[in-house]
Amino acid sequence: QVAATKRTPMLIPAGTYSGQDEDVATTSL
C-alpha cells in the first residue's frame, strides 16, 4: 500500500499517542 501511494514511507513511533502500543506505518510528504 505504501508503494502504491508513491509517497515517502513514515513510521509513527509507538507511544506517540495515548493507547498506541505499536509503530504505525504510514506515508508522508
PDB file of all heavy atoms in Angstrom:
ATOM      1  N   GLN A   1       0.831  -1.209   0.000  1.00  0.00           N
ATOM      2  CA  GLN A   1       0.000   0.000   0.000  1.00  0.00           C
ATOM      3  C   GLN A   1       0.860   1.252   0.000  1.00  0.00           C
ATOM      4  O   GLN A   1       0.565   2.214  -0.713  1.00  0.00           O
ATOM      5  CB  GLN A   1      -0.932  -0.019   1.213  1.00  0.00           C
ATOM      6  CG  GLN A   1      -2.060  -1.041   1.118  1.00  0.00           C
ATOM      7  CD  GLN A   1      -2.857  -1.147   2.397  1.00  0.00           C
ATOM      8  OE1 GLN A   1      -2.304  -1.043   3.496  1.00  0.00           O
ATOM      9  NE2 GLN A   1      -4.158  -1.371   2.274  1.00  0.00           N
ATOM     10  N   VAL A   2       1.917   1.246   0.801  1.00  0.00           N
ATOM     11  CA  VAL A   2       2.825   2.399   0.833  1.00  0.00           C
ATOM     12  C   VAL A   2       3.414   2.636  -0.553  1.00  0.00           C
ATOM     13  O   VAL A   2       3.464   3.771  -1.041  1.00  0.00           O
ATOM     14  CB  VAL A   2       3.947   2.189   1.870  1.00  0.00           C
ATOM     15  CG1 VAL A   2       5.006   3.284   1.732  1.00  0.00           C
ATOM     16  CG2 VAL A   2       3.380   2.193   3.288  1.00  0.00           C
ATOM     17  N   ALA A   3       3.856   1.569  -1.206  1.00  0.00           N
ATOM     18  CA  ALA A   3       4.459   1.695  -2.540  1.00  0.00           C
ATOM     19  C   ALA A   3       3.447   2.265  -3.535  1.00  0.00           C
ATOM     20  O   ALA A   3       3.804   3.073  -4.405  1.00  0.00           O
ATOM     21  CB  ALA A   3       4.970   0.344  -3.010  1.00  0.00           C
ATOM     22  N   ALA A   4       2.180   1.854  -3.402  1.00  0.00           N
ATOM     23  CA  ALA A   4       1.146   2.313  -4.336  1.00  0.00           C
ATOM     24  C   ALA A   4       0.899   3.812  -4.234  1.00  0.00           C
ATOM     25  O   ALA A   4       0.544   4.465  -5.216  1.00  0.00           O
ATOM     26  CB  ALA A   4      -0.157   1.551  -4.088  1.00  0.00           C
ATOM     27  N   THR A   5       1.098   4.387  -3.047  1.00  0.00           N
ATOM     28  CA  THR A   5       0.855   5.816  -2.861  1.00  0.00           C
ATOM     29  C   THR A   5       1.941   6.678  -3.509  1.00  0.00           C
ATOM     30  O   THR A   5       1.728   7.858  -3.760  1.00  0.00           O
ATOM     31  CB  THR A   5       0.785   6.178  -1.371  1.00  0.00           C
ATOM     32  OG1 THR A   5       2.079   6.022  -0.766  1.00  0.00           O
ATOM     33  CG2 THR A   5      -0.232   5.312  -0.639  1.00  0.00           C
ATOM     34  N   LYS A   6       3.113   6.100  -3.716  1.00  0.00           N
ATOM     35  CA  LYS A   6       4.278   6.817  -4.267  1.00  0.00           C
ATOM     36  C   LYS A   6       4.708   7.984  -3.369  1.00  0.00           C
ATOM     37  O   LYS A   6       5.277   8.961  -3.837  1.00  0.00           O
ATOM     38  CB  LYS A   6       3.994   7.310  -5.685  1.00  0.00           C
ATOM     39  CG  LYS A   6       3.737   6.171  -6.666  1.00  0.00           C
ATOM     40  CD  LYS A   6       3.521   6.673  -8.081  1.00  0.00           C
ATOM     41  CE  LYS A   6       3.260   5.507  -9.024  1.00  0.00           C
ATOM     42  NZ  LYS A   6       3.027   5.943 -10.421  1.00  0.00           N
ATOM     43  N   ARG A   7       4.406   7.855  -2.080  1.00  0.00           N
ATOM     44  CA  ARG A   7       4.847   8.836  -1.097  1.00  0.00           C
ATOM     45  C   ARG A   7       5.991   8.257  -0.276  1.00  0.00           C
ATOM     46  O   ARG A   7       6.320   7.073  -0.372  1.00  0.00           O
ATOM     47  CB  ARG A   7       3.699   9.233  -0.173  1.00  0.00           C
ATOM     48  CG  ARG A   7       2.549   9.958  -0.855  1.00  0.00           C
ATOM     49  CD  ARG A   7       2.982  11.283  -1.452  1.00  0.00           C
ATOM     50  NE  ARG A   7       1.836  12.057  -1.929  1.00  0.00           N
ATOM     51  CZ  ARG A   7       1.943  13.136  -2.678  1.00  0.00           C
ATOM     52  NH1 ARG A   7       3.133  13.575  -3.050  1.00  0.00           N
ATOM     53  NH2 ARG A   7       0.856  13.789  -3.072  1.00  0.00           N
ATOM     54  N   THR A   8       6.585   9.094   0.545  1.00  0.00           N
ATOM     55  CA  THR A   8       7.700   8.661   1.387  1.00  0.00           C
ATOM     56  C   THR A   8       7.181   7.849   2.578  1.00  0.00           C
ATOM     57  O   THR A   8       6.260   8.292   3.264  1.00  0.00           O
ATOM     58  CB  THR A   8       8.468   9.883   1.920  1.00  0.00           C
ATOM     59  OG1 THR A   8       8.891  10.678   0.810  1.00  0.00           O
ATOM     60  CG2 THR A   8       9.675   9.459   2.746  1.00  0.00           C
ATOM     61  N   PRO A   9       7.745   6.659   2.820  1.00  0.00           N
ATOM     62  CA  PRO A   9       7.319   5.876   3.985  1.00  0.00           C
ATOM     63  C   PRO A   9       7.639   6.630   5.279  1.00  0.00           C
ATOM     64  O   PRO A   9       8.639   7.335   5.373  1.00  0.00           O
ATOM     65  CB  PRO A   9       8.154   4.593   3.885  1.00  0.00           C
ATOM     66  CG  PRO A   9       8.619   4.534   2.467  1.00  0.00           C
ATOM     67  CD  PRO A   9       8.770   5.954   2.026  1.00  0.00           C
ATOM     68  N   MET A  10       6.768   6.476   6.277  1.00  0.00           N
ATOM     69  CA  MET A  10       6.970   7.121   7.566  1.00  0.00           C
ATOM     70  C   MET A  10       6.469   6.202   8.663  1.00  0.00           C
ATOM     71  O   MET A  10       5.423   5.565   8.517  1.00  0.00           O
ATOM     72  CB  MET A  10       6.223   8.456   7.616  1.00  0.00           C
ATOM     73  CG  MET A  10       6.287   9.177   8.960  1.00  0.00           C
ATOM     74  SD  MET A  10       7.932   9.803   9.357  1.00  0.00           S
ATOM     75  CE  MET A  10       8.013  11.245   8.280  1.00  0.00           C
ATOM     76  N   LEU A  11       7.227   6.094   9.761  1.00  0.00           N
ATOM     77  CA  LEU A  11       6.801   5.343  10.931  1.00  0.00           C
ATOM     78  C   LEU A  11       6.466   6.318  12.051  1.00  0.00           C
ATOM     79  O   LEU A  11       7.286   7.159  12.413  1.00  0.00           O
ATOM     80  CB  LEU A  11       7.898   4.387  11.410  1.00  0.00           C
ATOM     81  CG  LEU A  11       8.015   3.013  10.745  1.00  0.00           C
ATOM     82  CD1 LEU A  11       9.132   2.224  11.404  1.00  0.00           C
ATOM     83  CD2 LEU A  11       6.713   2.237  10.799  1.00  0.00           C
ATOM     84  N   ILE A  12       5.261   6.209  12.575  1.00  0.00           N
ATOM     85  CA  ILE A  12       4.899   6.967  13.773  1.00  0.00           C
ATOM     86  C   ILE A  12       5.235   6.065  14.959  1.00  0.00           C
ATOM     87  O   ILE A  12       4.619   5.010  15.129  1.00  0.00           O
ATOM     88  CB  ILE A  12       3.400   7.326  13.783  1.00  0.00           C
ATOM     89  CG1 ILE A  12       3.036   8.148  12.539  1.00  0.00           C
ATOM     90  CG2 ILE A  12       3.050   8.094  15.053  1.00  0.00           C
ATOM     91  CD1 ILE A  12       1.557   8.454  12.420  1.00  0.00           C
ATOM     92  N   PRO A  13       6.223   6.430  15.763  1.00  0.00           N
ATOM     93  CA  PRO A  13       6.707   5.522  16.818  1.00  0.00           C
ATOM     94  C   PRO A  13       5.629   5.176  17.842  1.00  0.00           C
ATOM     95  O   PRO A  13       4.749   5.995  18.149  1.00  0.00           O
ATOM     96  CB  PRO A  13       7.842   6.323  17.470  1.00  0.00           C
ATOM     97  CG  PRO A  13       8.228   7.353  16.472  1.00  0.00           C
ATOM     98  CD  PRO A  13       6.980   7.690  15.721  1.00  0.00           C
ATOM     99  N   ALA A  14       5.707   3.954  18.349  1.00  0.00           N
ATOM    100  CA  ALA A  14       4.804   3.527  19.417  1.00  0.00           C
ATOM    101  C   ALA A  14       4.901   4.514  20.574  1.00  0.00           C
ATOM    102  O   ALA A  14       5.978   5.016  20.889  1.00  0.00           O
ATOM    103  CB  ALA A  14       5.182   2.122  19.882  1.00  0.00           C
ATOM    104  N   GLY A  15       3.763   4.785  21.188  1.00  0.00           N
ATOM    105  CA  GLY A  15       3.748   5.705  22.320  1.00  0.00           C
ATOM    106  C   GLY A  15       3.592   7.161  21.949  1.00  0.00           C
ATOM    107  O   GLY A  15       3.513   8.023  22.832  1.00  0.00           O
ATOM    108  N   THR A  16       3.539   7.448  20.641  1.00  0.00           N
ATOM    109  CA  THR A  16       3.343   8.837  20.220  1.00  0.00           C
ATOM    110  C   THR A  16       1.989   9.354  20.703  1.00  0.00           C
ATOM    111  O   THR A  16       1.862  10.505  21.124  1.00  0.00           O
ATOM    112  CB  THR A  16       3.435   8.960  18.689  1.00  0.00           C
ATOM    113  OG1 THR A  16       4.740   8.550  18.264  1.00  0.00           O
ATOM    114  CG2 THR A  16       3.206  10.394  18.232  1.00  0.00           C
ATOM    115  N   TYR A  17       0.981   8.468  20.646  1.00  0.00           N
ATOM    116  CA  TYR A  17      -0.368   8.838  21.085  1.00  0.00           C
ATOM    117  C   TYR A  17      -0.832   7.888  22.189  1.00  0.00           C
ATOM    118  O   TYR A  17      -0.377   6.741  22.269  1.00  0.00           O
ATOM    119  CB  TYR A  17      -1.346   8.784  19.908  1.00  0.00           C
ATOM    120  CG  TYR A  17      -0.978   9.713  18.781  1.00  0.00           C
ATOM    121  CD1 TYR A  17      -0.436   9.225  17.592  1.00  0.00           C
ATOM    122  CD2 TYR A  17      -1.145  11.088  18.907  1.00  0.00           C
ATOM    123  CE1 TYR A  17      -0.084  10.090  16.563  1.00  0.00           C
ATOM    124  CE2 TYR A  17      -0.799  11.949  17.878  1.00  0.00           C
ATOM    125  CZ  TYR A  17      -0.265  11.450  16.707  1.00  0.00           C
ATOM    126  OH  TYR A  17       0.094  12.300  15.696  1.00  0.00           O
ATOM    127  N   SER A  18      -1.714   8.368  23.010  1.00  0.00           N
ATOM    128  CA  SER A  18      -2.265   7.562  24.096  1.00  0.00           C
ATOM    129  C   SER A  18      -2.883   6.275  23.544  1.00  0.00           C
ATOM    130  O   SER A  18      -3.665   6.309  22.591  1.00  0.00           O
ATOM    131  CB  SER A  18      -3.334   8.363  24.854  1.00  0.00           C
ATOM    132  OG  SER A  18      -3.932   7.587  25.863  1.00  0.00           O
ATOM    133  N   GLY A  19      -2.486   5.138  24.108  1.00  0.00           N
ATOM    134  CA  GLY A  19      -3.030   3.849  23.688  1.00  0.00           C
ATOM    135  C   GLY A  19      -2.369   3.256  22.469  1.00  0.00           C
ATOM    136  O   GLY A  19      -2.728   2.153  22.036  1.00  0.00           O
ATOM    137  N   GLN A  20      -1.399   3.953  21.886  1.00  0.00           N
ATOM    138  CA  GLN A  20      -0.709   3.440  20.691  1.00  0.00           C
ATOM    139  C   GLN A  20       0.474   2.588  21.141  1.00  0.00           C
ATOM    140  O   GLN A  20       1.529   3.104  21.489  1.00  0.00           O
ATOM    141  CB  GLN A  20      -0.233   4.596  19.799  1.00  0.00           C
ATOM    142  CG  GLN A  20       0.472   4.124  18.530  1.00  0.00           C
ATOM    143  CD  GLN A  20       1.355   5.196  17.907  1.00  0.00           C
ATOM    144  OE1 GLN A  20       1.239   6.381  18.241  1.00  0.00           O
ATOM    145  NE2 GLN A  20       2.262   4.788  17.039  1.00  0.00           N
ATOM    146  N   ASP A  21       0.314   1.272  21.092  1.00  0.00           N
ATOM    147  CA  ASP A  21       1.332   0.361  21.621  1.00  0.00           C
ATOM    148  C   ASP A  21       2.338  -0.103  20.574  1.00  0.00           C
ATOM    149  O   ASP A  21       3.348  -0.709  20.913  1.00  0.00           O
ATOM    150  CB  ASP A  21       0.663  -0.874  22.247  1.00  0.00           C
ATOM    151  CG  ASP A  21      -0.261  -0.500  23.404  1.00  0.00           C
ATOM    152  OD1 ASP A  21       0.085   0.455  24.140  1.00  0.00           O
ATOM    153  OD2 ASP A  21      -1.313  -1.148  23.559  1.00  0.00           O
ATOM    154  N   GLU A  22       2.053   0.142  19.298  1.00  0.00           N
ATOM    155  CA  GLU A  22       2.936  -0.314  18.228  1.00  0.00           C
ATOM    156  C   GLU A  22       3.245   0.827  17.263  1.00  0.00           C
ATOM    157  O   GLU A  22       2.483   1.792  17.166  1.00  0.00           O
ATOM    158  CB  GLU A  22       2.280  -1.470  17.455  1.00  0.00           C
ATOM    159  CG  GLU A  22       1.988  -2.701  18.297  1.00  0.00           C
ATOM    160  CD  GLU A  22       1.307  -3.792  17.483  1.00  0.00           C
ATOM    161  OE1 GLU A  22       0.903  -3.500  16.325  1.00  0.00           O
ATOM    162  OE2 GLU A  22       1.177  -4.917  17.994  1.00  0.00           O
ATOM    163  N   ASP A  23       4.362   0.681  16.536  1.00  0.00           N
ATOM    164  CA  ASP A  23       4.665   1.634  15.472  1.00  0.00           C
ATOM    165  C   ASP A  23       3.557   1.585  14.426  1.00  0.00           C
ATOM    166  O   ASP A  23       2.985   0.513  14.156  1.00  0.00           O
ATOM    167  CB  ASP A  23       5.990   1.287  14.795  1.00  0.00           C
ATOM    168  CG  ASP A  23       7.192   1.465  15.706  1.00  0.00           C
ATOM    169  OD1 ASP A  23       7.049   2.109  16.759  1.00  0.00           O
ATOM    170  OD2 ASP A  23       8.273   0.948  15.354  1.00  0.00           O
ATOM    171  N   VAL A  24       3.258   2.731  13.845  1.00  0.00           N
ATOM    172  CA  VAL A  24       2.254   2.815  12.787  1.00  0.00           C
ATOM    173  C   VAL A  24       2.951   3.169  11.479  1.00  0.00           C
ATOM    174  O   VAL A  24       3.642   4.199  11.393  1.00  0.00           O
ATOM    175  CB  VAL A  24       1.170   3.860  13.118  1.00  0.00           C
ATOM    176  CG1 VAL A  24       0.249   4.090  11.922  1.00  0.00           C
ATOM    177  CG2 VAL A  24       0.365   3.422  14.335  1.00  0.00           C
ATOM    178  N   ALA A  25       2.780   2.315  10.472  1.00  0.00           N
ATOM    179  CA  ALA A  25       3.384   2.552   9.163  1.00  0.00           C
ATOM    180  C   ALA A  25       2.433   3.386   8.316  1.00  0.00           C
ATOM    181  O   ALA A  25       1.273   3.019   8.110  1.00  0.00           O
ATOM    182  CB  ALA A  25       3.678   1.228   8.472  1.00  0.00           C
ATOM    183  N   THR A  26       2.917   4.516   7.844  1.00  0.00           N
ATOM    184  CA  THR A  26       2.077   5.389   7.028  1.00  0.00           C
ATOM    185  C   THR A  26       2.958   6.087   5.980  1.00  0.00           C
ATOM    186  O   THR A  26       4.041   5.597   5.663  1.00  0.00           O
ATOM    187  CB  THR A  26       1.316   6.398   7.921  1.00  0.00           C
ATOM    188  OG1 THR A  26       0.426   7.168   7.113  1.00  0.00           O
ATOM    189  CG2 THR A  26       2.252   7.309   8.693  1.00  0.00           C
ATOM    190  N   THR A  27       2.488   7.200   5.459  1.00  0.00           N
ATOM    191  CA  THR A  27       3.236   7.910   4.422  1.00  0.00           C
ATOM    192  C   THR A  27       3.371   9.383   4.798  1.00  0.00           C
ATOM    193  O   THR A  27       2.686   9.880   5.689  1.00  0.00           O
ATOM    194  CB  THR A  27       2.519   7.813   3.070  1.00  0.00           C
ATOM    195  OG1 THR A  27       1.213   8.405   3.192  1.00  0.00           O
ATOM    196  CG2 THR A  27       2.379   6.361   2.628  1.00  0.00           C
ATOM    197  N   SER A  28       4.234  10.062   4.088  1.00  0.00           N
ATOM    198  CA  SER A  28       4.455  11.476   4.406  1.00  0.00           C
ATOM    199  C   SER A  28       4.828  12.259   3.156  1.00  0.00           C
ATOM    200  O   SER A  28       5.190  11.685   2.127  1.00  0.00           O
ATOM    201  CB  SER A  28       5.567  11.620   5.449  1.00  0.00           C
ATOM    202  OG  SER A  28       6.806  11.194   4.909  1.00  0.00           O
ATOM    203  N   LEU A  29       4.726  13.551   3.286  1.00  0.00           N
ATOM    204  CA  LEU A  29       5.140  14.474   2.235  1.00  0.00           C
ATOM    205  C   LEU A  29       6.105  15.474   2.857  1.00  0.00           C
ATOM    206  O   LEU A  29       5.787  16.113   3.864  1.00  0.00           O
ATOM    207  CB  LEU A  29       3.932  15.206   1.656  1.00  0.00           C
ATOM    208  CG  LEU A  29       4.211  16.243   0.563  1.00  0.00           C
ATOM    209  CD1 LEU A  29       4.679  15.550  -0.713  1.00  0.00           C
ATOM    210  CD2 LEU A  29       2.964  17.074   0.279  1.00  0.00           C
TER     211      LEU A  29
END
